[in-house]
C-alpha atoms as a PDB file:
ATOM      1  CA  MET A   1       0.000   0.000   0.000  1.00  0.00           C
ATOM      2  CA  ILE A   2       2.816   2.416   0.848  1.00  0.00           C
ATOM      3  CA  LEU A   3       4.764   1.718  -2.315  1.00  0.00           C
ATOM      4  CA  THR A   4       1.572   2.017  -4.377  1.00  0.00           C
ATOM      5  CA  ALA A   5       0.988   5.476  -2.892  1.00  0.00           C
ATOM      6  CA  VAL A   6       4.608   6.445  -3.634  1.00  0.00           C
ATOM      7  CA  LEU A   7       4.223   5.401  -7.280  1.00  0.00           C
ATOM      8  CA  ARG A   8       0.840   7.083  -7.743  1.00  0.00           C
ATOM      9  CA  LEU A   9       2.097  10.327  -6.212  1.00  0.00           C
ATOM     10  CA  GLY A  10       5.287  10.283  -8.253  1.00  0.00           C
ATOM     11  CA  ILE A  11       7.564  10.427  -5.221  1.00  0.00           C
ATOM     12  CA  ASP A  12      11.159   9.733  -6.245  1.00  0.00           C
ATOM     13  CA  ASP A  13      12.498   8.591  -2.877  1.00  0.00           C
ATOM     14  CA  VAL A  14      10.605   6.514  -0.320  1.00  0.00           C
ATOM     15  CA  ALA A  15      12.764   8.120   2.355  1.00  0.00           C
ATOM     16  CA  GLU A  16      10.620  11.237   1.832  1.00  0.00           C
ATOM     17  CA  VAL A  17       7.602   9.327   3.175  1.00  0.00           C
ATOM     18  CA  ALA A  18       6.243   9.268   6.713  1.00  0.00           C
ATOM     19  CA  VAL A  19       4.086   6.381   7.874  1.00  0.00           C
ATOM     20  CA  ALA A  20       1.876   6.614  10.942  1.00  0.00           C
ATOM     21  CA  GLY A  21      -0.105   3.655  12.168  1.00  0.00           C
ATOM     22  CA  ASP A  22      -1.712   2.058  15.171  1.00  0.00           C
ATOM     23  CA  THR A  23      -0.697  -1.550  14.553  1.00  0.00           C
ATOM     24  CA  VAL A  24       2.520  -3.517  14.490  1.00  0.00           C
ATOM     25  CA  SER A  25       1.773  -4.366  10.849  1.00  0.00           C
ATOM     26  CA  ASP A  26       1.673  -0.655   9.979  1.00  0.00           C
ATOM     27  CA  LEU A  27       5.101  -0.119  11.513  1.00  0.00           C
ATOM     28  CA  VAL A  28       6.605  -3.176   9.844  1.00  0.00           C
ATOM     29  CA  ALA A  29       5.188  -2.088   6.478  1.00  0.00           C
ATOM     30  CA  GLY A  30       6.583   1.434   6.845  1.00  0.00           C
ATOM     31  CA  THR A  31      10.002   0.115   7.785  1.00  0.00           C
ATOM     32  CA  ARG A  32      10.085  -2.428   4.947  1.00  0.00           C
ATOM     33  CA  ALA A  33       8.998   0.237   2.458  1.00  0.00           C
ATOM     34  CA  GLY A  34      11.911   2.459   3.522  1.00  0.00           C
ATOM     35  CA  ALA A  35      10.011   5.358   5.068  1.00  0.00           C
ATOM     36  CA  SER A  36      12.247   7.704   7.041  1.00  0.00           C
ATOM     37  CA  VAL A  37       9.565   8.307   9.695  1.00  0.00           C
ATOM     38  CA  VAL A  38       7.637   5.316  11.023  1.00  0.00           C
ATOM     39  CA  ALA A  39       5.442   6.457  13.889  1.00  0.00           C
ATOM     40  CA  GLY A  40       3.247   4.313  16.066  1.00  0.00           C
ATOM     41  CA  VAL A  41       0.216   6.099  17.456  1.00  0.00           C
ATOM     42  CA  LEU A  42      -1.367   5.099  20.746  1.00  0.00           C
ATOM     43  CA  THR A  43      -4.955   6.039  19.880  1.00  0.00           C
ATOM     44  CA  GLY A  44      -5.577   2.781  18.048  1.00  0.00           C
ATOM     45  CA  SER A  45      -5.706  -0.918  18.578  1.00  0.00           C
ATOM     46  CA  HIS A  46      -2.219  -1.843  19.839  1.00  0.00           C
ATOM     47  CA  SER A  47      -0.628  -0.978  23.162  1.00  0.00           C
ATOM     48  CA  ARG A  48       2.562   1.016  23.727  1.00  0.00           C
ATOM     49  CA  ALA A  49       4.426  -2.195  24.573  1.00  0.00           C
ATOM     50  CA  GLU A  50       3.312  -3.880  21.350  1.00  0.00           C
ATOM     51  CA  LEU A  51       4.280  -0.866  19.239  1.00  0.00           C
ATOM     52  CA  GLU A  52       7.625  -0.456  20.993  1.00  0.00           C
ATOM     53  CA  ASP A  53       8.509  -4.056  20.102  1.00  0.00           C
ATOM     54  CA  ALA A  54       7.992  -3.281  16.404  1.00  0.00           C
ATOM     55  CA  PRO A  55      10.455  -1.331  14.253  1.00  0.00           C
ATOM     56  CA  HIS A  56       9.703   2.380  14.546  1.00  0.00           C
ATOM     57  CA  THR A  57      11.239   5.829  14.726  1.00  0.00           C
ATOM     58  CA  HIS A  58       8.634   7.382  17.039  1.00  0.00           C
ATOM     59  CA  ILE A  59       5.792   6.435  19.372  1.00  0.00           C
ATOM     60  CA  LEU A  60       3.217   9.227  19.566  1.00  0.00           C
ATOM     61  CA  PRO A  61       0.204   9.771  21.823  1.00  0.00           C
ATOM     62  CA  SER A  62      -1.911  10.613  18.746  1.00  0.00           C
ATOM     63  CA  VAL A  63      -1.597  11.240  15.031  1.00  0.00           C
ATOM     64  CA  ILE A  64      -2.155  14.898  15.876  1.00  0.00           C
ATOM     65  CA  ASP A  65       1.436  14.882  17.177  1.00  0.00           C
ATOM     66  CA  LEU A  66       2.874  13.874  13.783  1.00  0.00           C
ATOM     67  CA  PRO A  67       3.293  17.417  12.347  1.00  0.00           C
ATOM     68  CA  ALA A  68       5.653  18.323  15.195  1.00  0.00           C
ATOM     69  CA  VAL A  69       7.835  15.336  14.270  1.00  0.00           C
ATOM     70  CA  LEU A  70       7.830  16.251  10.594  1.00  0.00           C
ATOM     71  CA  LEU A  71       8.511  19.938  11.144  1.00  0.00           C
ATOM     72  CA  GLY A  72      10.721  19.365  14.167  1.00  0.00           C
END
């Protein structure tokens, strides 16, 4: 899904992509795709402990906190 979005949007480098998700699968997918930001958000289905065990760059309280990471 991530790579499909990259192709459809004409993005040249997957490292320019940020992925935010609430499941371990989201974080694994973002990491495997090569996204430079892979953020787990705690407002969804998986717990902090589950998300921390998955590959990630950030764990955020909510997706609303993502802009601060991107602009940071």
